[in-house]
Structures are given as structure tokens and as C-alpha cells.
Amino acid sequence: MLYRENGQFKTSYAQDQQILPIRQDRIGLLLILLFAFVLVPLASSEYLLRAILLPFLILSLAAIGLNILVGYCGQISLGTGAFMAVGAYAAYNFHMRVPELPLLLSLVLGGLCATVVGMFFGLPSLRIRGLYLAVATLAAQFFADWTFLRIKWFTLDNASGSVSVSGLTVFGLPVQTPIQKYLFVLTLVVLFALLAKNLVRGHIGRSWMAMRDMDVAASVIGIRPMHAKLSAFAVSSFIVGVAGALWGFVHLGAWEPAAFSIDRSFQLLFIIIIGGLGSILGAFLGAAFIVVLPIALNILLPELGALFGWQVDTALVSHVEYMVFGALIVFFLIKEPHGLARLWSTAKEKLRLWPFPH
């Protein structure tokens, strides 16, 4: 088979500790990146870029941030939509109030504002955990919804509460067409995914996983719970805040607080559960599943209804979508708690041992 390691000897610690130690994985990743950066912009339609690929990339980035907190550190959060909103509105204020500020710097400053808010709402994690921590972070969601809806300063005194941006440029290059937006978001997602992967492989990520597995034992061996938990909230909120800014600036262009409602928080939680907790790859797999499934249901259900003489309206499709998501979450929690990423990992192990899979 093609997926074998015969002859791939490691002669240094650096080679042994690289992100993708198997040559086939490195080649596969390079081919995927080549396909994403070159072939997709050339062959994709405007609908595919706007309606599928952009939401997929930005939701993947937000899921990476949430997975750092929930999957790697074990801190339950239901306020992801709030941190996305903080990043979006903070970046909007920096971008509009300081017109000479570069777009990238506005996005980073929006992420830093989300970091501060995330660490503040992460303070209860030092005393509580589990369901109680989830309720504490849920308070951030309601607080953000009220703040951006009622305090007009954040929307530059816009009476409707909605804001909009246009004429985006990066280093003098326009980010306005679907292809330009796609390439810009794709570049940021690749950089953040690489950053997150290296973080979880280092001593910071190991301290997060130690707190997740057994916080009392982790504190006994010298890991500081406050440092580990708050650093997880900080990194997670920063990535989620940048994703929220991208969602508003690049994907929507014009938005209101409802764009970052509690439904967004649950959607991201579904993504990491289905994709795989504690896995960077799981964020991409879960986001792809969440984005593609509603589109597939909207196409297939009316066709099946016409085939059997049933009337399938939009409301029924929406209800079926929620039912399918709920059933899938229950299925993965029972049969495969580590999600699609574990299924892919198991398939790779079987290929490595073929023709003697276990």
C-alpha cells in the first residue's frame, strides 16, 4: 500500500518531533494546500466561495479556538458567540475610528479585546467547573447580546444597531471579490492552525491536557491551575475573536448582534463534538460537516418529497436539520466520543498495518 513508513528513519530529535513525521502525510498536506490555494480559486463559482468555503474556513478557525478551551483544557464554554461578537465589534470600532489603521491590525486588536473579555469570564473556572462553568460562560453570551444591542457607542450611534464595512485592503491589495476574500481568510486560517498545532504540542498544551485529565494531579506535579486555565481562555478567546471579526468583515460585510447569538455558540460546540474534541483536524472536519449537511438536506429532502408525493417546505427541512444534528451528537457521544478525527486516525492506523489490520 502507499501509506507505509518503510525506510523512513529518523536521525535527529527534530525529525522525530515534527508535526507530520510520516512522509505521506507531509505530501498529502502540501497537495491539499496546493489545491486550496491554486485550483479552488480558479475552478470555484462565486456561490461556492461565498456560501460554502468562506463560512467553512471561518467556522473552522472559531472551532480551533473553542477546541483549545474545551477539547484540550477541558473547560466547558457556551459563550463562544459572545467572544466572536466582542472581536467583531472591537475590530469594527478600531477600523472605523482610526481609518489609517491597517485591516490586519484591527483584526488583531479585536482578538486582543476578546482575550481580555474571555479571561474575565474565565476567572470562575478557578473555582467551578463542569455544568456550573458552562452557565458562567453562558452569562457572557447574554451580556454581549445586551451590550451590543443597547449601547449605541459600539455601533457608532447607529439607531438600527447594525454596522457595515466596505473597501477592505491588506498591504494595499483589495479584499473585495469572493476570490480575494477566500485567499485572505485561507491564509489566516492556515497560519492560526499552524500556531495552534504547535501550541498544543508544547509545554503549554501539555499543561492544558494535564488540567483536562486530572486537575488535582496536575497541580501536585507543579502545573499552576490559574496559569493553565486562564492561558487556555486567553488563546481560545483571541482566536475566536479574530474569527468573529472575519465573520463580520469578510463573510457578512454588514451585521447586527443576532449574527453572534447563542445559536452560534451551540453551532461551534456541535462542530467540535462531531469533528473531534482535542483535535485540530476535528475542527475542519466538523465545520465541513456542519456547513455541507444543511445544504445537502435542502437539496435532497425536496427531491425525496417529490419522489414520494410529499410536500416538503422550508420549515420541515429546518426541523429535520435540527433532528439530524441532535441524533448525530448523541451517536458520536456514545459510539465515538472523539468524533470524525478519531475515525480518520483509526483508518490511518489500519492502512499502516495493512494487510494485517487489527
Protein backbone atom coordinates (compact mmCIF):
# COMPACT_ATOMS: atom_id res chain seq x y z
CA MET A 1 0.00 0.00 0.00
CA LEU A 2 1.02 3.65 -0.42
CA TYR A 3 0.67 4.50 3.26
CA ARG A 4 3.77 2.80 4.64
CA GLU A 5 6.76 4.01 6.67
CA ASN A 6 9.36 1.58 5.34
CA GLY A 7 12.72 3.28 5.03
CA GLN A 8 11.67 6.48 6.80
CA PHE A 9 14.33 6.61 9.51
CA LYS A 10 14.62 9.47 12.00
CA THR A 11 18.21 10.60 12.61
CA SER A 12 17.53 13.55 14.94
CA TYR A 13 15.10 14.67 17.63
CA ALA A 14 13.86 17.44 15.35
CA GLN A 15 12.81 14.90 12.72
CA ASP A 16 11.17 12.73 15.36
CA GLN A 17 9.19 15.63 16.82
CA GLN A 18 7.99 17.28 13.62
CA ILE A 19 4.27 17.89 13.20
CA LEU A 20 3.91 15.31 10.42
CA PRO A 21 6.59 12.64 10.93
CA ILE A 22 5.30 10.43 8.09
CA ARG A 23 6.32 11.48 4.59
CA GLN A 24 2.95 10.60 3.07
CA ASP A 25 1.22 12.98 5.49
CA ARG A 26 3.53 15.82 4.54
CA ILE A 27 2.99 15.20 0.83
CA GLY A 28 -0.76 14.96 1.35
CA LEU A 29 -0.86 18.24 3.27
CA LEU A 30 1.17 20.01 0.57
CA LEU A 31 -1.21 18.70 -2.10
CA ILE A 32 -4.21 19.89 -0.09
CA LEU A 33 -2.69 23.35 0.33
CA LEU A 34 -1.81 23.49 -3.35
CA PHE A 35 -5.36 22.52 -4.24
CA ALA A 36 -6.82 25.09 -1.83
CA PHE A 37 -4.61 28.00 -2.86
CA VAL A 38 -4.40 27.40 -6.61
CA LEU A 39 -7.10 25.14 -8.02
CA VAL A 40 -10.07 26.16 -5.84
CA PRO A 41 -9.91 29.91 -6.76
CA LEU A 42 -9.60 29.01 -10.44
CA ALA A 43 -12.40 26.47 -10.58
CA SER A 44 -14.93 27.62 -7.96
CA SER A 45 -18.04 29.63 -8.63
CA GLU A 46 -18.99 32.75 -6.72
CA TYR A 47 -21.73 30.84 -4.87
CA LEU A 48 -19.30 28.13 -3.76
CA LEU A 49 -16.85 30.69 -2.44
CA ARG A 50 -19.41 32.90 -0.68
CA ALA A 51 -21.89 30.36 0.66
CA ILE A 52 -19.72 27.35 1.44
CA LEU A 53 -15.97 27.91 1.52
CA LEU A 54 -15.87 31.22 3.42
CA PRO A 55 -18.23 30.04 6.20
CA PHE A 56 -16.35 26.74 6.35
CA LEU A 57 -12.96 28.43 6.83
CA ILE A 58 -14.12 30.97 9.41
CA LEU A 59 -16.12 28.42 11.41
CA SER A 60 -13.08 26.12 11.33
CA LEU A 61 -10.97 28.91 12.81
CA ALA A 62 -13.53 29.58 15.55
CA ALA A 63 -13.78 25.83 16.24
CA ILE A 64 -9.99 25.64 16.63
CA GLY A 65 -10.21 28.33 19.31
CA LEU A 66 -13.09 26.61 21.11
CA ASN A 67 -11.37 23.22 20.86
CA ILE A 68 -8.31 24.60 22.64
CA LEU A 69 -10.52 25.52 25.58
CA VAL A 70 -12.93 22.58 25.62
CA GLY A 71 -11.05 19.75 23.93
CA TYR A 72 -7.51 20.39 25.18
CA CYS A 73 -8.10 22.12 28.53
CA GLY A 74 -11.45 20.59 29.46
CA GLN A 75 -13.15 23.90 30.31
CA ILE A 76 -16.75 23.93 29.10
CA SER A 77 -17.82 27.15 27.37
CA LEU A 78 -21.16 28.25 25.98
CA GLY A 79 -20.12 31.84 25.33
CA THR A 80 -18.22 31.44 22.08
CA GLY A 81 -20.69 33.57 20.17
CA ALA A 82 -20.12 36.38 22.69
CA PHE A 83 -16.35 36.29 22.19
CA MET A 84 -16.87 36.34 18.43
CA ALA A 85 -19.11 39.38 18.85
CA VAL A 86 -16.52 41.15 21.00
CA GLY A 87 -13.85 40.53 18.37
CA ALA A 88 -16.12 41.74 15.55
CA TYR A 89 -17.35 44.92 17.23
CA ALA A 90 -13.95 45.80 18.69
CA ALA A 91 -12.29 45.39 15.29
CA TYR A 92 -15.10 47.46 13.75
CA ASN A 93 -14.53 50.31 16.19
CA PHE A 94 -10.78 50.29 15.65
CA HIS A 95 -11.28 50.15 11.89
CA MET A 96 -13.81 53.00 11.75
CA ARG A 97 -12.49 55.30 14.48
CA VAL A 98 -8.86 55.04 13.33
CA PRO A 99 -9.14 54.99 9.50
CA GLU A 100 -5.37 54.80 8.95
CA LEU A 101 -5.15 51.58 10.97
CA PRO A 102 -4.32 48.53 8.78
CA LEU A 103 -7.00 45.86 8.49
CA LEU A 104 -4.78 43.13 9.95
CA LEU A 105 -4.01 45.27 12.99
CA SER A 106 -7.71 45.95 13.50
CA LEU A 107 -8.38 42.20 13.44
CA VAL A 108 -5.58 41.53 15.92
CA LEU A 109 -6.79 44.29 18.26
CA GLY A 110 -10.30 42.84 18.05
CA GLY A 111 -8.86 39.47 19.04
CA LEU A 112 -6.99 41.07 21.97
CA CYS A 113 -10.20 42.69 23.22
CA ALA A 114 -11.88 39.28 23.05
CA THR A 115 -8.91 37.89 25.02
CA VAL A 116 -9.48 40.35 27.86
CA VAL A 117 -13.21 39.57 27.98
CA GLY A 118 -12.56 35.83 27.74
CA MET A 119 -10.08 35.90 30.63
CA PHE A 120 -12.55 37.88 32.74
CA PHE A 121 -15.31 35.33 32.20
CA GLY A 122 -12.72 32.57 32.63
CA LEU A 123 -11.99 33.59 36.22
CA PRO A 124 -14.85 31.42 37.57
CA SER A 125 -13.01 28.37 36.16
CA LEU A 126 -10.55 28.74 39.04
CA ARG A 127 -13.36 27.81 41.45
CA ILE A 128 -16.01 25.95 39.48
CA ARG A 129 -16.08 23.51 36.59
CA GLY A 130 -18.43 21.37 34.52
CA LEU A 131 -22.03 22.49 34.21
CA TYR A 132 -21.52 25.42 36.58
CA LEU A 133 -18.71 26.79 34.41
CA ALA A 134 -20.90 26.38 31.32
CA VAL A 135 -23.59 28.51 32.99
CA ALA A 136 -20.98 31.13 33.95
CA THR A 137 -19.74 31.40 30.36
CA LEU A 138 -23.34 31.47 29.16
CA ALA A 139 -23.67 34.72 31.08
CA ALA A 140 -21.10 36.22 28.69
CA GLN A 141 -23.44 35.44 25.81
CA PHE A 142 -26.39 37.30 27.32
CA PHE A 143 -24.15 40.15 28.45
CA ALA A 144 -22.72 40.59 24.94
CA ASP A 145 -26.15 40.42 23.32
CA TRP A 146 -27.46 43.16 25.63
CA THR A 147 -24.33 45.31 25.36
CA PHE A 148 -24.09 45.49 21.58
CA LEU A 149 -27.83 45.90 21.20
CA ARG A 150 -28.38 48.64 23.80
CA ILE A 151 -25.13 50.62 23.99
CA LYS A 152 -25.04 52.60 20.76
CA TRP A 153 -21.40 53.67 21.19
CA PHE A 154 -20.26 50.27 19.91
CA THR A 155 -22.24 50.76 16.70
CA LEU A 156 -21.14 54.39 16.20
CA ASP A 157 -24.59 55.59 17.35
CA ASN A 158 -26.39 53.72 14.59
CA ALA A 159 -30.08 53.66 15.52
CA SER A 160 -30.72 50.29 13.89
CA GLY A 161 -27.89 48.56 15.76
CA SER A 162 -26.41 47.16 12.54
CA VAL A 163 -22.94 48.01 11.26
CA SER A 164 -21.19 47.54 7.93
CA VAL A 165 -17.70 47.72 6.45
CA SER A 166 -16.51 48.04 2.87
CA GLY A 167 -13.44 48.74 0.80
CA LEU A 168 -11.19 46.31 2.68
CA THR A 169 -7.50 46.30 1.74
CA VAL A 170 -4.46 44.43 3.05
CA PHE A 171 -0.99 45.85 2.29
CA GLY A 172 -2.60 47.95 -0.45
CA LEU A 173 -4.23 44.90 -2.06
CA PRO A 174 -8.05 44.87 -2.26
CA VAL A 175 -10.04 42.24 -0.37
CA GLN A 176 -13.40 42.68 -2.05
CA THR A 177 -14.11 39.95 -4.60
CA PRO A 178 -15.02 36.41 -3.43
CA ILE A 179 -11.64 35.05 -4.60
CA GLN A 180 -9.73 37.77 -2.76
CA LYS A 181 -11.73 37.20 0.41
CA TYR A 182 -11.25 33.45 0.16
CA LEU A 183 -7.48 33.68 -0.24
CA PHE A 184 -7.19 36.19 2.60
CA VAL A 185 -9.21 34.05 5.02
CA LEU A 186 -7.49 30.85 3.90
CA THR A 187 -4.06 32.35 4.61
CA LEU A 188 -5.09 33.42 8.12
CA VAL A 189 -6.69 30.06 8.87
CA VAL A 190 -3.57 28.16 7.81
CA LEU A 191 -1.36 30.40 9.97
CA PHE A 192 -3.62 30.08 13.02
CA ALA A 193 -3.96 26.31 12.58
CA LEU A 194 -0.15 26.00 12.48
CA LEU A 195 0.13 28.20 15.57
CA ALA A 196 -2.49 26.18 17.45
CA LYS A 197 -0.90 22.88 16.47
CA ASN A 198 2.48 23.98 17.79
CA LEU A 199 0.95 25.33 20.99
CA VAL A 200 -0.82 22.09 21.87
CA ARG A 201 2.38 20.11 21.16
CA GLY A 202 4.48 22.25 23.52
CA HIS A 203 4.61 22.59 27.30
CA ILE A 204 1.62 24.95 27.30
CA GLY A 205 -0.55 22.42 25.52
CA ARG A 206 0.67 19.64 27.80
CA SER A 207 -0.31 21.70 30.85
CA TRP A 208 -3.78 22.20 29.32
CA MET A 209 -4.21 18.48 28.76
CA ALA A 210 -2.99 17.71 32.27
CA MET A 211 -5.65 20.04 33.70
CA ARG A 212 -8.23 18.37 31.47
CA ASP A 213 -7.35 14.83 32.51
CA MET A 214 -6.93 15.40 36.27
CA ASP A 215 -6.52 18.90 37.60
CA VAL A 216 -5.65 17.84 41.17
CA ALA A 217 -2.79 15.61 39.99
CA ALA A 218 -1.63 18.34 37.60
CA SER A 219 -1.38 20.87 40.43
CA VAL A 220 0.51 18.32 42.56
CA ILE A 221 3.23 17.91 39.90
CA GLY A 222 3.72 21.67 39.65
CA ILE A 223 1.29 22.89 36.99
CA ARG A 224 -0.36 26.12 38.13
CA PRO A 225 -4.13 25.84 37.60
CA MET A 226 -4.63 29.60 37.29
CA HIS A 227 -1.93 29.94 34.64
CA ALA A 228 -3.09 26.90 32.65
CA LYS A 229 -6.81 27.69 32.69
CA LEU A 230 -6.53 31.43 32.07
CA SER A 231 -3.96 30.91 29.29
CA ALA A 232 -6.41 28.50 27.62
CA PHE A 233 -9.19 31.08 27.90
CA ALA A 234 -6.85 33.78 26.55
CA VAL A 235 -5.63 31.84 23.50
CA SER A 236 -9.09 30.47 22.77
CA SER A 237 -10.77 33.87 23.04
CA PHE A 238 -8.13 35.51 20.85
CA ILE A 239 -8.61 33.02 18.03
CA VAL A 240 -12.39 33.12 18.39
CA GLY A 241 -12.31 36.94 18.42
CA VAL A 242 -10.33 37.05 15.19
CA ALA A 243 -12.77 34.54 13.68
CA GLY A 244 -15.68 36.76 14.75
CA ALA A 245 -14.04 39.78 13.11
CA LEU A 246 -13.53 37.81 9.91
CA TRP A 247 -17.15 36.63 10.06
CA GLY A 248 -18.36 40.22 10.23
CA PHE A 249 -15.83 41.95 7.99
CA VAL A 250 -15.26 39.37 5.26
CA HIS A 251 -18.23 37.00 5.22
CA LEU A 252 -21.18 39.21 6.17
CA GLY A 253 -19.97 42.73 5.42
CA ALA A 254 -22.91 44.08 7.43
CA TRP A 255 -24.16 42.53 10.67
CA GLU A 256 -26.07 43.02 13.89
CA PRO A 257 -25.81 41.31 17.34
CA ALA A 258 -28.11 38.48 16.19
CA ALA A 259 -25.28 37.27 13.94
CA PHE A 260 -23.45 36.15 17.11
CA SER A 261 -26.35 34.82 19.11
CA ILE A 262 -26.38 31.77 21.34
CA ASP A 263 -27.19 29.68 18.26
CA ARG A 264 -23.66 30.43 17.03
CA SER A 265 -22.23 29.19 20.33
CA PHE A 266 -24.15 25.92 20.08
CA GLN A 267 -23.20 25.53 16.43
CA LEU A 268 -19.49 25.74 17.28
CA LEU A 269 -19.97 23.31 20.15
CA PHE A 270 -21.63 20.87 17.74
CA ILE A 271 -18.70 21.30 15.35
CA ILE A 272 -16.07 20.20 17.86
CA ILE A 273 -18.21 17.36 19.21
CA ILE A 274 -18.85 15.92 15.76
CA GLY A 275 -15.37 16.73 14.43
CA GLY A 276 -13.48 15.56 17.49
CA LEU A 277 -12.58 17.05 20.86
CA GLY A 278 -8.89 17.73 21.33
CA SER A 279 -8.07 17.69 17.62
CA ILE A 280 -7.11 20.49 15.23
CA LEU A 281 -8.17 18.30 12.30
CA GLY A 282 -11.52 17.74 14.03
CA ALA A 283 -12.29 21.46 13.80
CA PHE A 284 -12.05 21.31 10.00
CA LEU A 285 -13.95 18.04 9.68
CA GLY A 286 -16.74 19.23 11.98
CA ALA A 287 -17.03 22.59 10.22
CA ALA A 288 -17.22 20.90 6.82
CA PHE A 289 -19.94 18.59 8.12
CA ILE A 290 -21.97 21.42 9.67
CA VAL A 291 -21.74 23.62 6.56
CA VAL A 292 -22.40 20.93 3.98
CA LEU A 293 -25.17 18.99 5.74
CA PRO A 294 -27.85 21.76 5.68
CA ILE A 295 -27.15 22.40 2.00
CA ALA A 296 -27.43 18.69 1.25
CA LEU A 297 -30.70 18.42 3.19
CA ASN A 298 -32.15 21.45 1.39
CA ILE A 299 -31.39 19.76 -1.93
CA LEU A 300 -32.22 16.12 -1.15
CA LEU A 301 -35.36 16.42 1.00
CA PRO A 302 -37.48 18.28 -1.61
CA GLU A 303 -36.38 15.76 -4.24
CA LEU A 304 -37.31 12.84 -1.98
CA GLY A 305 -40.63 14.52 -1.20
CA ALA A 306 -41.39 14.96 -4.89
CA LEU A 307 -40.48 11.32 -5.49
CA PHE A 308 -42.98 10.04 -2.90
CA GLY A 309 -45.58 12.74 -3.42
CA TRP A 310 -44.91 14.54 -0.12
CA GLN A 311 -44.88 18.28 0.36
CA VAL A 312 -41.56 19.40 1.85
CA ASP A 313 -41.41 23.06 2.84
CA THR A 314 -38.59 25.13 4.32
CA ALA A 315 -39.85 24.74 7.90
CA LEU A 316 -39.80 20.94 7.63
CA VAL A 317 -36.26 21.00 6.27
CA SER A 318 -35.20 23.19 9.19
CA HIS A 319 -36.79 20.82 11.71
CA VAL A 320 -35.18 17.79 10.08
CA GLU A 321 -31.83 19.58 10.20
CA TYR A 322 -32.10 20.02 13.99
CA MET A 323 -33.19 16.40 14.39
CA VAL A 324 -30.24 15.14 12.36
CA PHE A 325 -27.78 17.28 14.32
CA GLY A 326 -29.20 16.06 17.62
CA ALA A 327 -29.11 12.43 16.55
CA LEU A 328 -25.53 12.76 15.30
CA ILE A 329 -24.36 14.36 18.54
CA VAL A 330 -25.91 11.53 20.58
CA PHE A 331 -24.39 8.97 18.21
CA PHE A 332 -20.88 10.41 18.43
CA LEU A 333 -21.04 10.84 22.20
CA ILE A 334 -21.99 7.18 22.58
CA LYS A 335 -20.11 5.42 19.79
CA GLU A 336 -17.15 7.68 19.10
CA PRO A 337 -16.65 10.49 21.64
CA HIS A 338 -13.57 11.71 19.77
CA GLY A 339 -15.56 12.35 16.58
CA LEU A 340 -14.62 12.19 12.94
CA ALA A 341 -10.96 12.88 13.67
CA ARG A 342 -10.66 9.59 15.57
CA LEU A 343 -12.29 7.72 12.70
CA TRP A 344 -9.69 9.17 10.35
CA SER A 345 -6.91 8.29 12.79
CA THR A 346 -8.18 4.72 13.06
CA ALA A 347 -8.33 4.40 9.28
CA LYS A 348 -4.71 5.60 9.01
CA GLU A 349 -3.57 3.03 11.58
CA LYS A 350 -5.26 0.25 9.64
CA LEU A 351 -3.58 1.40 6.42
CA ARG A 352 -0.19 1.45 8.13
CA LEU A 353 -0.65 -2.18 9.26
CA TRP A 354 -2.30 -3.48 6.07
CA PRO A 355 -2.72 -6.36 5.20
CA PHE A 356 -2.81 -7.17 8.94
CA PRO A 357 -5.15 -4.54 10.40
CA HIS A 358 -6.29 -5.01 13.96
